[in-house]
Amino acid sequence: MMQVDVDQIRSALLSLIDIRRTSLGCEVQMPLYYPDGGSVTVTITAERGDYVIHDAGTGTMVLNASGVQMTKKLGQKVQKLIEHYGCSFSAGRVERRCTAEDIGVCAAIVANASRAVGDQLFERQVIAPIDFRREVLARVREAVGENRFRENEEIPGESGYAYQVSAVILDQAGSSPVSFVEPIKDHEAATKKFREFWDISRSDRFGGVARISLFDDRRKWVGADLLILQEVSNVVRLSDVDIRMAEFANVSH
């Protein structure tokens, strides 16, 4: 059996990121793309002992270049979306402040938030994802048993923000959580759940609880969406849910 070459994989992934110094700071080209095919780039500057990461308004410019006007209604929607990422949105620019140790994660968050702005180019009415969520939760419940399953539990992250975790798998005594499970239907869900799991992973109380991103492998995915989820969770295909949930249940104490 061929061995996985970790160094080769690391080199391949690092090649997807380009960093260059400019008069504005350091520009980092991320392995993400706007709907028009342009690469998502974030700018990192130092300010008063912290770092400021922003998209230079590129997400908004993608919309404007395609003839989409930032109306009051769209602006309110984008503002709410960006705040969910823990970023600020002002004058068309996505921004987040952080410490040196969080630069990598925050650059990924700002990049995904910026792409979310650009994704409004494809805004349309879609079928609500509730059917996929119900399907996932029903199968998790069946795999681990009713006594070890809880739905919509409120779990606080390090930031103090409380998240409604879709499914919680309890230990065999049915008293303490051993796994948090989130259904991942599409790109928007992936980016939202990334922030949720990242925040929870840093919590003193719940940081040690396994985190499971259960994604819908019946549709095509952008590799970057699954890569960021792998940073904060175990990524499991829907087609493997029965086997993998049984595994998580059996090893949990």
Protein backbone atom coordinates (compact mmCIF):
# COMPACT_ATOMS: atom_id res chain seq x y z
CA MET A 1 0.00 0.00 0.00
CA MET A 2 1.36 3.43 -0.95
CA GLN A 3 2.33 5.59 2.02
CA VAL A 4 0.94 9.09 2.30
CA ASP A 5 3.74 11.63 1.84
CA VAL A 6 2.89 14.32 4.40
CA ASP A 7 5.60 16.71 3.19
CA GLN A 8 4.39 16.41 -0.39
CA ILE A 9 0.82 17.12 0.64
CA ARG A 10 1.90 20.09 2.78
CA SER A 11 3.92 21.50 -0.13
CA ALA A 12 0.98 21.07 -2.51
CA LEU A 13 -1.42 22.86 -0.17
CA LEU A 14 1.01 25.68 0.58
CA SER A 15 1.44 26.23 -3.15
CA LEU A 16 -2.21 27.28 -3.27
CA ILE A 17 -1.43 30.33 -1.12
CA ASP A 18 0.61 33.30 -2.32
CA ILE A 19 1.90 36.05 0.00
CA ARG A 20 3.39 39.33 -1.15
CA ARG A 21 4.26 42.60 0.58
CA THR A 22 2.66 45.80 -0.73
CA SER A 23 2.46 49.41 0.41
CA LEU A 24 -0.77 48.47 2.22
CA GLY A 25 0.67 45.50 4.13
CA CYS A 26 0.82 41.81 3.23
CA GLU A 27 -1.58 40.52 0.58
CA VAL A 28 -2.46 36.85 0.90
CA GLN A 29 -4.05 35.07 -2.05
CA MET A 30 -6.25 32.31 -0.62
CA PRO A 31 -7.39 29.06 -2.33
CA LEU A 32 -10.91 30.47 -2.71
CA TYR A 33 -12.63 32.03 -5.71
CA TYR A 34 -15.39 34.54 -6.33
CA PRO A 35 -18.26 33.70 -8.70
CA ASP A 36 -16.48 35.64 -11.46
CA GLY A 37 -13.44 33.35 -11.15
CA GLY A 38 -11.18 35.84 -9.37
CA SER A 39 -9.07 34.68 -6.42
CA VAL A 40 -10.03 35.80 -2.93
CA THR A 41 -7.22 37.93 -1.47
CA VAL A 42 -6.99 39.38 2.03
CA THR A 43 -4.71 42.16 3.24
CA ILE A 44 -3.01 41.97 6.65
CA THR A 45 -1.75 45.08 8.42
CA ALA A 46 -0.46 45.79 11.94
CA GLU A 47 -2.28 48.38 14.01
CA ARG A 48 -1.89 49.27 17.70
CA GLY A 49 -0.44 45.91 18.68
CA ASP A 50 -3.08 43.88 16.83
CA TYR A 51 -3.48 42.74 13.26
CA VAL A 52 -6.23 43.93 10.94
CA ILE A 53 -7.31 41.56 8.17
CA HIS A 54 -9.60 42.86 5.41
CA ASP A 55 -10.63 42.13 1.83
CA ALA A 56 -10.09 45.67 0.49
CA GLY A 57 -13.76 45.66 -0.55
CA THR A 58 -13.17 43.06 -3.27
CA GLY A 59 -16.31 41.04 -2.48
CA THR A 60 -18.43 44.15 -2.96
CA MET A 61 -16.53 45.09 -6.13
CA VAL A 62 -17.35 41.68 -7.61
CA LEU A 63 -21.04 42.52 -7.21
CA ASN A 64 -20.69 46.04 -8.60
CA ALA A 65 -18.69 44.85 -11.62
CA SER A 66 -21.50 42.41 -12.43
CA GLY A 67 -24.18 45.09 -12.21
CA VAL A 68 -25.49 44.17 -8.75
CA GLN A 69 -26.17 47.29 -6.70
CA MET A 70 -25.73 47.26 -2.93
CA THR A 71 -29.29 48.30 -2.11
CA LYS A 72 -30.40 48.97 1.45
CA LYS A 73 -32.07 45.55 1.62
CA LEU A 74 -29.03 43.71 0.23
CA GLY A 75 -26.74 45.76 2.46
CA GLN A 76 -28.70 44.71 5.55
CA LYS A 77 -28.56 41.08 4.47
CA VAL A 78 -24.80 41.22 3.85
CA GLN A 79 -24.23 43.06 7.14
CA LYS A 80 -25.99 40.29 9.05
CA LEU A 81 -24.13 37.61 7.12
CA ILE A 82 -20.74 39.21 7.80
CA GLU A 83 -21.50 39.64 11.49
CA HIS A 84 -22.20 35.91 11.68
CA TYR A 85 -18.58 35.38 10.67
CA GLY A 86 -17.48 37.64 13.51
CA CYS A 87 -16.34 40.32 11.07
CA SER A 88 -17.32 43.95 10.55
CA PHE A 89 -18.62 45.38 7.28
CA SER A 90 -18.13 49.04 6.55
CA ALA A 91 -17.90 51.01 3.28
CA GLY A 92 -18.08 47.73 1.40
CA ARG A 93 -15.07 46.23 3.22
CA VAL A 94 -15.00 43.01 5.27
CA GLU A 95 -12.67 43.34 8.26
CA ARG A 96 -11.59 41.53 11.42
CA ARG A 97 -9.02 42.30 14.13
CA CYS A 98 -6.95 39.55 15.74
CA THR A 99 -3.78 38.67 17.61
CA ALA A 100 -0.68 37.19 15.98
CA GLU A 101 -1.56 33.64 17.01
CA ASP A 102 -4.94 33.80 15.24
CA ILE A 103 -3.78 35.29 11.93
CA GLY A 104 -4.17 32.03 9.96
CA VAL A 105 -7.68 31.22 11.13
CA CYS A 106 -8.88 34.82 10.90
CA ALA A 107 -7.49 35.18 7.38
CA ALA A 108 -9.56 32.14 6.40
CA ILE A 109 -12.64 33.59 8.11
CA VAL A 110 -12.30 36.98 6.37
CA ALA A 111 -11.68 35.28 3.02
CA ASN A 112 -14.81 33.16 3.35
CA ALA A 113 -16.85 36.14 4.54
CA SER A 114 -15.67 38.13 1.52
CA ARG A 115 -16.59 35.30 -0.82
CA ALA A 116 -20.00 35.16 0.85
CA VAL A 117 -20.47 38.79 -0.23
CA GLY A 118 -19.50 37.90 -3.81
CA ASP A 119 -21.79 34.89 -3.71
CA GLN A 120 -24.77 37.26 -3.54
CA LEU A 121 -24.26 37.49 -7.29
CA PHE A 122 -26.01 34.14 -7.53
CA GLU A 123 -28.75 34.98 -5.05
CA ARG A 124 -31.95 33.14 -5.84
CA GLN A 125 -34.78 31.34 -4.17
CA VAL A 126 -33.73 27.87 -3.13
CA ILE A 127 -35.42 25.00 -1.37
CA ALA A 128 -34.88 25.36 2.36
CA PRO A 129 -32.24 22.97 3.69
CA ILE A 130 -34.57 21.67 6.40
CA ASP A 131 -35.11 18.36 4.55
CA PHE A 132 -31.39 17.57 4.55
CA ARG A 133 -31.10 18.54 8.19
CA ARG A 134 -34.02 16.30 9.14
CA GLU A 135 -32.53 13.44 7.17
CA VAL A 136 -29.18 13.78 8.93
CA LEU A 137 -30.62 14.11 12.42
CA ALA A 138 -32.95 11.14 11.93
CA ARG A 139 -30.06 8.93 10.86
CA VAL A 140 -27.80 10.07 13.69
CA ARG A 141 -30.60 9.44 16.19
CA GLU A 142 -31.13 5.95 14.79
CA ALA A 143 -27.40 5.15 14.84
CA VAL A 144 -26.69 6.17 18.46
CA GLY A 145 -30.07 5.55 20.06
CA GLU A 146 -32.69 7.85 21.55
CA ASN A 147 -31.11 7.95 25.02
CA ARG A 148 -27.82 9.28 23.70
CA PHE A 149 -29.21 11.87 21.30
CA ARG A 150 -30.11 15.50 21.94
CA GLU A 151 -31.26 18.06 19.35
CA ASN A 152 -30.71 21.83 19.27
CA GLU A 153 -28.64 22.01 22.45
CA GLU A 154 -27.24 25.43 23.34
CA ILE A 155 -23.42 25.26 23.52
CA PRO A 156 -21.27 28.33 24.29
CA GLY A 157 -17.98 28.98 22.51
CA GLU A 158 -14.89 30.69 23.86
CA SER A 159 -16.31 34.04 22.74
CA GLY A 160 -19.32 33.54 25.01
CA TYR A 161 -21.69 33.33 22.04
CA ALA A 162 -24.10 30.38 22.43
CA TYR A 163 -24.69 28.16 19.39
CA GLN A 164 -27.68 25.92 18.75
CA VAL A 165 -25.80 22.71 17.95
CA SER A 166 -27.98 20.55 15.71
CA ALA A 167 -27.18 17.21 17.33
CA VAL A 168 -25.34 16.16 20.50
CA ILE A 169 -24.22 12.59 21.08
CA LEU A 170 -24.04 11.77 24.80
CA ASP A 171 -21.82 9.28 26.61
CA GLN A 172 -23.12 5.81 27.40
CA ALA A 173 -24.57 7.07 30.67
CA GLY A 174 -26.55 9.66 28.72
CA SER A 175 -25.22 12.53 30.83
CA SER A 176 -22.28 14.26 29.12
CA PRO A 177 -21.67 15.24 25.47
CA VAL A 178 -18.99 13.33 23.58
CA SER A 179 -19.74 14.57 20.05
CA PHE A 180 -21.35 17.57 18.38
CA VAL A 181 -22.82 16.96 14.91
CA GLU A 182 -23.71 19.57 12.30
CA PRO A 183 -25.33 18.87 8.88
CA ILE A 184 -23.43 20.62 6.07
CA LYS A 185 -25.63 21.05 3.01
CA ASP A 186 -23.79 23.74 1.04
CA HIS A 187 -21.09 26.41 1.01
CA GLU A 188 -22.99 28.79 3.26
CA ALA A 189 -23.52 26.07 5.88
CA ALA A 190 -19.84 25.09 5.67
CA THR A 191 -18.61 28.59 6.44
CA LYS A 192 -21.12 29.15 9.25
CA LYS A 193 -20.37 25.83 10.92
CA PHE A 194 -16.62 26.42 10.56
CA ARG A 195 -16.89 29.51 12.75
CA GLU A 196 -19.15 27.68 15.22
CA PHE A 197 -16.81 24.70 15.61
CA TRP A 198 -13.72 26.92 15.73
CA ASP A 199 -15.21 28.97 18.58
CA ILE A 200 -16.37 25.85 20.47
CA SER A 201 -12.99 24.13 19.97
CA ARG A 202 -11.35 26.94 21.96
CA SER A 203 -13.77 26.60 24.87
CA ASP A 204 -12.30 25.29 28.13
CA ARG A 205 -15.51 23.41 28.84
CA PHE A 206 -16.30 21.89 25.43
CA GLY A 207 -13.01 22.06 23.53
CA GLY A 208 -12.37 18.33 24.08
CA VAL A 209 -15.72 17.21 22.67
CA ALA A 210 -15.48 15.65 19.19
CA ARG A 211 -16.93 17.78 16.39
CA ILE A 212 -18.46 16.13 13.31
CA SER A 213 -19.33 17.89 10.05
CA LEU A 214 -21.73 15.66 8.12
CA PHE A 215 -21.76 16.84 4.52
CA ASP A 216 -24.05 16.01 1.61
CA ASP A 217 -21.82 14.07 -0.81
CA ARG A 218 -24.63 13.82 -3.37
CA ARG A 219 -23.69 17.27 -4.63
CA LYS A 220 -20.44 18.77 -5.96
CA TRP A 221 -18.24 20.60 -3.49
CA VAL A 222 -15.49 23.17 -3.68
CA GLY A 223 -12.50 21.51 -2.03
CA ALA A 224 -11.72 24.56 0.11
CA ASP A 225 -15.06 24.25 1.93
CA LEU A 226 -14.22 20.76 3.14
CA LEU A 227 -10.61 21.69 3.91
CA ILE A 228 -11.56 24.42 6.35
CA LEU A 229 -14.04 22.09 8.06
CA GLN A 230 -11.25 19.53 8.48
CA GLU A 231 -9.36 22.13 10.51
CA VAL A 232 -12.04 22.13 13.20
CA SER A 233 -13.92 18.83 12.89
CA ASN A 234 -14.15 15.28 11.62
CA VAL A 235 -15.63 15.54 8.11
CA VAL A 236 -18.02 12.66 7.33
CA ARG A 237 -19.91 11.92 4.12
CA LEU A 238 -23.66 11.45 4.34
CA SER A 239 -23.26 8.10 2.60
CA ASP A 240 -21.07 6.95 5.54
CA VAL A 241 -23.27 8.31 8.31
CA ASP A 242 -24.58 5.00 9.67
CA ILE A 243 -21.15 3.37 9.94
CA ARG A 244 -19.33 6.45 11.22
CA MET A 245 -21.95 7.39 13.81
CA ALA A 246 -21.85 3.84 15.14
CA GLU A 247 -18.06 4.16 15.41
CA PHE A 248 -18.30 7.43 17.33
CA ALA A 249 -20.94 5.94 19.61
CA ASN A 250 -18.91 2.79 20.34
CA VAL A 251 -15.70 4.62 21.26
CA SER A 252 -17.45 7.22 23.42
CA HIS A 253 -17.44 6.80 27.21
